[in-house]
Amino acid sequence: MTRPQQPATPARPDDAGTGAAAVTAEAIRRTYERIAPYVRRTPVLRLAAADLGVPAGYPELALKLEFTQCAGSFKARGAFANLLLREVPAAGVYAASGGNHGVAVAYAAHRLGVPAKIFVPTISAPAKIERIRELGADLVVTGDRYADALAAAQDWAAGTGALGVHAFDALETVLGQGSLGLELAGQAPELDTVLVPVGGAGLIGGVAAWYAGTVRVVAVEPVDAPTLATARRHGRPTDSPTGSIAADALAPRRVGEIAFAISQSYVHDVVLVDDDAIRAAQRALWQAARLVVEPAAAVGLAALRTGAYRPGPDERVGVVLSGANTTPVAGG
């Protein structure tokens, strides 16, 4: 596969091109070395595609069980990257989150003995809210969506001296999330394609930067929260709808500038799945392998089951199961 050129599109309003260009394989490797003592090397499980309801004829799937990560999701990688690579003031850290990022920052802060204040919207899953409280962070539940929690966090932080940890649009966050790609490449080097859930796009930005065109990276989003699809249609991050049962993890209104710039070169396609397909994929994971994941983590499998993404007959596919901060779904 021809390696695309490094993205030239600005990646951040303040230092845009530098932000995306700094997310290299070597930078991800150095970040991984720093955070490795604090995060888990999550396993890969190979299952017959047919067992998961994927149409017959496709080979087995390699499932990256990232929901077994510290704090229940991939977000722990970016949280530790921020707290370990940046200077943390005495005032501690703060974050806005749909839920998983808040849990991850609270967990990292707890491990490192740092004060943390977390802002989440009212749609955040009760399991995520409870976990943030258990970890000892100062929790504020406000607004209907992630964007509302972010605005409240920024208003509170003015003049406090606390360090903001962005859920997806910060260099350290994207570098930390890229470590998932580093692990997966070593665990499943045979893969042709990796399906990655997308909300703010920090995860797919890091994973796509790691592979840098050597593997096909496909974004999967809910129909009612098409953040990357909207951005690609407009040629820039743009506000999009924030619906879906996965809204607490995959509906931040718009993707990050850094990840969007990376995606322009290294994300092969964006596909969309509806809520019914997401629920069905959750049930399939439970029925086939007793895997409990949150809705956001099931979108990749949903794309395969519905044909939103159709692999070739010999295509080797990996699916990132990104988080499990949820209550178990009912089996059928």
Protein backbone atom coordinates (compact mmCIF):
# COMPACT_ATOMS: atom_id res chain seq x y z
CA MET A 1 0.00 0.00 0.00
CA THR A 2 1.38 3.43 -0.92
CA ARG A 3 2.26 5.48 2.13
CA PRO A 4 0.39 8.82 2.09
CA GLN A 5 2.26 12.04 2.69
CA GLN A 6 2.22 13.61 6.14
CA PRO A 7 -0.83 15.87 6.57
CA ALA A 8 -0.28 19.48 5.67
CA THR A 9 -3.70 20.65 6.85
CA PRO A 10 -3.55 22.81 10.01
CA ALA A 11 -4.24 20.69 13.07
CA ARG A 12 -4.84 23.25 15.79
CA PRO A 13 -5.93 26.87 15.93
CA ASP A 14 -2.79 27.82 17.92
CA ASP A 15 -0.10 25.72 16.22
CA ALA A 16 -2.11 23.59 13.91
CA GLY A 17 0.32 21.95 11.51
CA THR A 18 2.80 21.23 14.28
CA GLY A 19 0.12 19.47 16.34
CA ALA A 20 -0.69 16.83 13.73
CA ALA A 21 2.84 16.44 12.40
CA ALA A 22 4.08 15.76 15.94
CA VAL A 23 1.94 12.61 16.18
CA THR A 24 4.51 10.22 14.72
CA ALA A 25 5.22 6.56 15.34
CA GLU A 26 8.38 7.47 17.24
CA ALA A 27 6.52 9.99 19.43
CA ILE A 28 3.84 7.38 20.14
CA ARG A 29 6.52 4.83 21.05
CA ARG A 30 8.18 7.26 23.49
CA THR A 31 4.81 8.07 25.02
CA TYR A 32 4.04 4.38 25.43
CA GLU A 33 7.32 3.81 27.24
CA ARG A 34 6.35 6.56 29.68
CA ILE A 35 2.81 5.39 30.39
CA ALA A 36 3.42 1.62 30.22
CA PRO A 37 3.91 1.19 34.00
CA TYR A 38 0.42 2.62 34.55
CA VAL A 39 -1.71 1.12 31.76
CA ARG A 40 -2.53 -2.43 30.69
CA ARG A 41 -1.45 -4.16 27.52
CA THR A 42 -4.96 -5.26 26.65
CA PRO A 43 -5.46 -8.62 24.95
CA VAL A 44 -6.63 -9.56 21.45
CA LEU A 45 -9.30 -12.24 21.10
CA ARG A 46 -9.81 -13.98 17.77
CA LEU A 47 -13.32 -15.21 17.02
CA ALA A 48 -15.00 -16.66 13.94
CA ALA A 49 -16.85 -13.84 12.24
CA ALA A 50 -19.91 -16.06 11.83
CA ASP A 51 -20.15 -16.51 15.61
CA LEU A 52 -20.71 -12.76 15.88
CA GLY A 53 -23.41 -12.59 13.22
CA VAL A 54 -21.15 -11.31 10.45
CA PRO A 55 -22.26 -12.67 7.05
CA ALA A 56 -20.70 -16.01 6.13
CA GLY A 57 -17.51 -16.13 4.11
CA TYR A 58 -15.38 -13.72 6.10
CA PRO A 59 -12.42 -14.97 8.13
CA GLU A 60 -12.07 -14.59 11.87
CA LEU A 61 -12.04 -11.19 13.53
CA ALA A 62 -9.33 -9.93 15.87
CA LEU A 63 -11.03 -8.10 18.73
CA LYS A 64 -8.86 -5.65 20.69
CA LEU A 65 -10.32 -5.92 24.19
CA GLU A 66 -9.57 -2.37 25.23
CA PHE A 67 -12.54 -2.36 27.58
CA THR A 68 -10.27 -4.31 29.96
CA GLN A 69 -8.05 -1.23 30.20
CA CYS A 70 -7.54 0.61 33.49
CA ALA A 71 -10.62 2.73 34.22
CA GLY A 72 -12.64 0.70 31.73
CA SER A 73 -11.65 2.30 28.43
CA PHE A 74 -8.84 3.40 26.11
CA LYS A 75 -9.08 6.87 27.63
CA ALA A 76 -6.64 5.86 30.39
CA ARG A 77 -3.83 5.98 27.83
CA GLY A 78 -4.39 9.64 27.01
CA ALA A 79 -5.08 10.59 30.62
CA PHE A 80 -1.78 9.19 31.87
CA ALA A 81 0.06 10.72 28.90
CA ASN A 82 -1.19 14.16 29.91
CA LEU A 83 -0.38 13.80 33.59
CA LEU A 84 3.05 12.26 33.01
CA LEU A 85 4.28 14.33 30.07
CA ARG A 86 3.07 17.75 31.25
CA GLU A 87 3.86 19.72 34.38
CA VAL A 88 0.93 19.37 36.78
CA PRO A 89 0.39 22.41 39.04
CA ALA A 90 -0.48 22.22 42.72
CA ALA A 91 -4.08 23.09 41.78
CA GLY A 92 -4.30 19.75 40.00
CA VAL A 93 -6.19 18.92 36.82
CA TYR A 94 -9.67 19.31 35.42
CA ALA A 95 -11.50 17.71 32.52
CA ALA A 96 -14.81 17.74 30.70
CA SER A 97 -16.10 14.43 29.50
CA GLY A 98 -19.05 12.44 28.27
CA GLY A 99 -17.97 9.96 30.92
CA ASN A 100 -15.06 7.73 29.95
CA HIS A 101 -12.46 10.48 29.80
CA GLY A 102 -13.65 11.72 33.16
CA VAL A 103 -13.25 8.25 34.66
CA ALA A 104 -9.78 7.96 33.13
CA VAL A 105 -8.56 11.35 34.36
CA ALA A 106 -9.99 10.65 37.81
CA TYR A 107 -8.23 7.28 37.83
CA ALA A 108 -4.89 8.69 36.67
CA ALA A 109 -5.10 11.53 39.16
CA HIS A 110 -5.92 9.06 41.94
CA ARG A 111 -2.94 6.87 41.03
CA LEU A 112 -0.58 9.83 40.89
CA GLY A 113 -1.93 11.69 43.92
CA VAL A 114 -3.19 14.71 41.99
CA PRO A 115 -6.38 16.70 42.73
CA ALA A 116 -8.97 16.38 39.96
CA LYS A 117 -12.24 18.12 39.09
CA ILE A 118 -14.41 16.46 36.47
CA PHE A 119 -17.37 17.92 34.55
CA VAL A 120 -19.85 15.58 32.83
CA PRO A 121 -23.26 16.15 31.19
CA THR A 122 -26.51 14.70 32.43
CA ILE A 123 -26.47 12.03 29.68
CA SER A 124 -23.36 10.46 31.16
CA ALA A 125 -24.01 6.82 32.07
CA PRO A 126 -24.71 6.26 35.78
CA ALA A 127 -21.90 3.69 35.88
CA LYS A 128 -19.43 6.35 34.74
CA ILE A 129 -20.69 8.96 37.21
CA GLU A 130 -20.48 6.47 40.07
CA ARG A 131 -16.93 5.45 39.12
CA ILE A 132 -15.71 9.06 39.01
CA ARG A 133 -17.07 9.61 42.49
CA GLU A 134 -15.50 6.39 43.75
CA LEU A 135 -12.12 7.59 42.55
CA GLY A 136 -12.35 10.68 44.72
CA ALA A 137 -12.57 13.37 42.06
CA ASP A 138 -14.67 16.50 42.59
CA LEU A 139 -17.56 15.83 40.21
CA VAL A 140 -19.89 18.34 38.57
CA VAL A 141 -22.85 17.08 36.50
CA THR A 142 -24.09 19.87 34.27
CA GLY A 143 -25.72 20.48 30.89
CA ASP A 144 -27.22 18.09 28.40
CA ARG A 145 -24.17 17.26 26.25
CA TYR A 146 -20.38 17.13 26.33
CA ALA A 147 -20.13 20.65 24.87
CA ASP A 148 -22.09 22.00 27.85
CA ALA A 149 -19.79 20.27 30.32
CA LEU A 150 -16.76 21.60 28.46
CA ALA A 151 -18.05 25.18 28.64
CA ALA A 152 -18.70 24.82 32.38
CA ALA A 153 -15.23 23.39 32.93
CA GLN A 154 -13.57 26.24 31.07
CA ASP A 155 -15.57 28.84 33.03
CA TRP A 156 -14.60 27.21 36.33
CA ALA A 157 -10.94 26.86 35.42
CA ALA A 158 -10.35 30.52 34.63
CA GLY A 159 -7.89 31.82 37.20
CA THR A 160 -7.58 28.56 39.16
CA GLY A 161 -4.23 27.48 37.76
CA ALA A 162 -5.52 23.93 37.22
CA LEU A 163 -4.29 22.01 34.18
CA GLY A 164 -6.92 21.15 31.60
CA VAL A 165 -6.82 17.63 30.16
CA HIS A 166 -8.71 17.65 26.87
CA ALA A 167 -10.64 14.51 25.98
CA PHE A 168 -9.41 14.34 22.38
CA ASP A 169 -7.88 17.56 21.00
CA ALA A 170 -4.52 17.70 22.78
CA LEU A 171 -1.21 16.38 21.51
CA GLU A 172 -0.57 14.25 24.60
CA THR A 173 -4.05 12.77 24.43
CA VAL A 174 -3.65 11.67 20.82
CA LEU A 175 -0.17 10.30 21.46
CA GLY A 176 -1.46 8.27 24.39
CA GLN A 177 -4.35 6.85 22.39
CA GLY A 178 -1.93 5.97 19.60
CA SER A 179 -0.32 3.45 21.91
CA LEU A 180 -3.32 1.20 21.27
CA GLY A 181 -2.24 1.02 17.64
CA LEU A 182 1.31 0.19 18.68
CA GLU A 183 0.07 -2.73 20.80
CA LEU A 184 -2.36 -4.02 18.19
CA ALA A 185 0.28 -3.97 15.45
CA GLY A 186 2.44 -6.25 17.55
CA GLN A 187 -0.40 -8.54 18.61
CA ALA A 188 -2.05 -8.89 15.19
CA PRO A 189 0.53 -8.00 12.53
CA GLU A 190 -1.51 -9.77 9.85
CA LEU A 191 -4.34 -7.23 9.84
CA ASP A 192 -5.36 -5.48 6.64
CA THR A 193 -8.04 -3.29 8.26
CA VAL A 194 -8.87 -1.91 11.71
CA LEU A 195 -12.34 -0.58 12.60
CA VAL A 196 -12.22 2.18 15.21
CA PRO A 197 -15.09 3.93 17.05
CA VAL A 198 -15.10 7.70 16.61
CA GLY A 199 -16.44 10.55 18.73
CA GLY A 200 -13.91 13.35 19.11
CA ALA A 201 -11.49 11.23 17.03
CA GLY A 202 -8.56 11.22 19.44
CA LEU A 203 -8.40 7.42 19.33
CA ILE A 204 -8.56 7.07 15.57
CA GLY A 205 -6.13 9.96 15.18
CA GLY A 206 -3.54 8.16 17.27
CA VAL A 207 -4.17 4.72 15.76
CA ALA A 208 -4.12 6.05 12.19
CA ALA A 209 -0.91 7.99 12.85
CA TRP A 210 0.74 4.83 14.19
CA TYR A 211 -0.16 2.77 11.11
CA ALA A 212 0.48 5.74 8.77
CA GLY A 213 -1.22 4.12 5.80
CA THR A 214 0.28 0.63 6.17
CA VAL A 215 -3.10 -0.73 7.35
CA ARG A 216 -6.56 0.43 6.28
CA VAL A 217 -8.10 2.37 9.21
CA VAL A 218 -11.89 2.77 9.05
CA ALA A 219 -13.90 5.09 11.31
CA VAL A 220 -17.27 3.94 12.62
CA GLU A 221 -19.83 6.39 14.01
CA PRO A 222 -23.49 6.38 15.01
CA VAL A 223 -25.85 7.73 12.37
CA ASP A 224 -27.09 10.28 14.91
CA ALA A 225 -23.59 11.48 15.91
CA PRO A 226 -21.58 11.64 12.66
CA THR A 227 -18.78 13.93 13.83
CA LEU A 228 -16.02 12.79 11.48
CA ALA A 229 -18.36 12.19 8.56
CA THR A 230 -19.62 15.76 8.93
CA ALA A 231 -16.10 17.15 9.16
CA ARG A 232 -14.97 15.32 6.05
CA ARG A 233 -18.01 16.53 4.13
CA HIS A 234 -17.22 20.15 5.03
CA GLY A 235 -13.44 19.86 4.86
CA ARG A 236 -13.01 20.93 8.49
CA PRO A 237 -14.34 20.13 11.99
CA THR A 238 -17.95 21.31 12.03
CA ASP A 239 -20.81 20.95 14.49
CA SER A 240 -22.86 17.79 13.95
CA PRO A 241 -25.86 16.15 15.64
CA THR A 242 -25.27 14.65 19.07
CA GLY A 243 -27.85 11.88 19.35
CA SER A 244 -27.55 8.08 19.66
CA ILE A 245 -27.44 5.66 22.57
CA ALA A 246 -23.66 6.09 22.35
CA ALA A 247 -23.89 9.86 22.84
CA ASP A 248 -22.06 9.87 26.17
CA ALA A 249 -18.95 8.55 24.41
CA LEU A 250 -19.30 9.35 20.69
CA ALA A 251 -21.07 12.70 20.47
CA PRO A 252 -18.84 15.67 21.38
CA ARG A 253 -20.44 17.86 18.65
CA ARG A 254 -17.27 18.09 16.53
CA VAL A 255 -14.00 16.21 16.06
CA GLY A 256 -10.66 17.57 17.23
CA GLU A 257 -8.45 19.60 14.94
CA ILE A 258 -5.37 17.40 15.45
CA ALA A 259 -7.14 14.14 14.74
CA PHE A 260 -9.03 15.59 11.78
CA ALA A 261 -5.78 16.62 10.11
CA ILE A 262 -4.37 13.13 10.62
CA SER A 263 -7.56 11.53 9.33
CA GLN A 264 -7.34 13.40 6.06
CA SER A 265 -4.27 11.35 5.15
CA TYR A 266 -4.61 8.15 7.10
CA VAL A 267 -8.30 7.28 7.64
CA HIS A 268 -9.55 5.23 4.70
CA ASP A 269 -13.30 5.69 5.18
CA VAL A 270 -16.10 6.60 7.60
CA VAL A 271 -19.16 4.37 7.95
CA LEU A 272 -22.32 4.90 10.00
CA VAL A 273 -24.51 2.54 12.05
CA ASP A 274 -27.84 3.08 13.75
CA ASP A 275 -28.82 2.47 17.36
CA ASP A 276 -30.62 -0.80 16.66
CA ALA A 277 -27.48 -2.19 15.04
CA ILE A 278 -25.38 -1.04 17.99
CA ARG A 279 -27.65 -2.77 20.49
CA ALA A 280 -27.66 -5.94 18.41
CA ALA A 281 -23.86 -5.93 18.27
CA GLN A 282 -23.69 -5.57 22.05
CA ARG A 283 -25.94 -8.61 22.41
CA ALA A 284 -23.88 -10.58 19.89
CA LEU A 285 -20.68 -9.97 21.84
CA TRP A 286 -22.37 -11.17 25.00
CA GLN A 287 -23.94 -14.23 23.40
CA ALA A 288 -20.82 -15.33 21.52
CA ALA A 289 -18.11 -14.66 24.09
CA ARG A 290 -19.70 -13.20 27.23
CA LEU A 291 -18.15 -9.81 26.46
CA VAL A 292 -19.95 -6.82 28.01
CA VAL A 293 -19.19 -3.53 26.27
CA GLU A 294 -20.82 -0.12 26.21
CA PRO A 295 -22.68 1.03 23.07
CA ALA A 296 -19.76 3.08 21.74
CA ALA A 297 -17.52 0.02 21.78
CA ALA A 298 -19.93 -2.05 19.69
CA VAL A 299 -20.08 0.20 16.62
CA GLY A 300 -17.29 -1.59 14.73
CA LEU A 301 -18.98 -4.95 15.01
CA ALA A 302 -22.28 -3.29 14.12
CA ALA A 303 -20.71 -2.07 10.87
CA LEU A 304 -19.65 -5.60 9.95
CA ARG A 305 -22.97 -7.20 10.90
CA THR A 306 -25.02 -4.70 8.87
CA GLY A 307 -22.71 -4.47 5.88
CA ALA A 308 -21.94 -0.80 6.50
CA TYR A 309 -18.39 -2.06 6.08
CA ARG A 310 -17.91 -5.09 3.83
CA PRO A 311 -14.50 -6.78 3.97
CA GLY A 312 -13.16 -8.65 1.00
CA PRO A 313 -13.18 -12.47 1.21
CA ASP A 314 -9.56 -12.67 2.39
CA GLU A 315 -9.42 -9.36 4.26
CA ARG A 316 -8.14 -9.68 7.83
CA VAL A 317 -10.05 -7.32 10.10
CA GLY A 318 -9.44 -6.01 13.59
CA VAL A 319 -12.16 -4.38 15.70
CA VAL A 320 -11.44 -2.08 18.64
CA LEU A 321 -13.81 -2.69 21.57
CA SER A 322 -13.06 0.59 23.26
CA GLY A 323 -14.83 0.61 26.63
CA ALA A 324 -17.16 -1.07 29.09
CA ASN A 325 -18.24 1.57 31.59
CA THR A 326 -21.83 0.39 31.47
CA THR A 327 -24.28 -2.03 33.01
CA PRO A 328 -24.68 -5.43 31.33
CA VAL A 329 -27.07 -5.62 28.38
CA ALA A 330 -29.87 -8.14 28.39
CA GLY A 331 -29.15 -11.23 26.35
CA GLY A 332 -31.66 -12.60 23.89
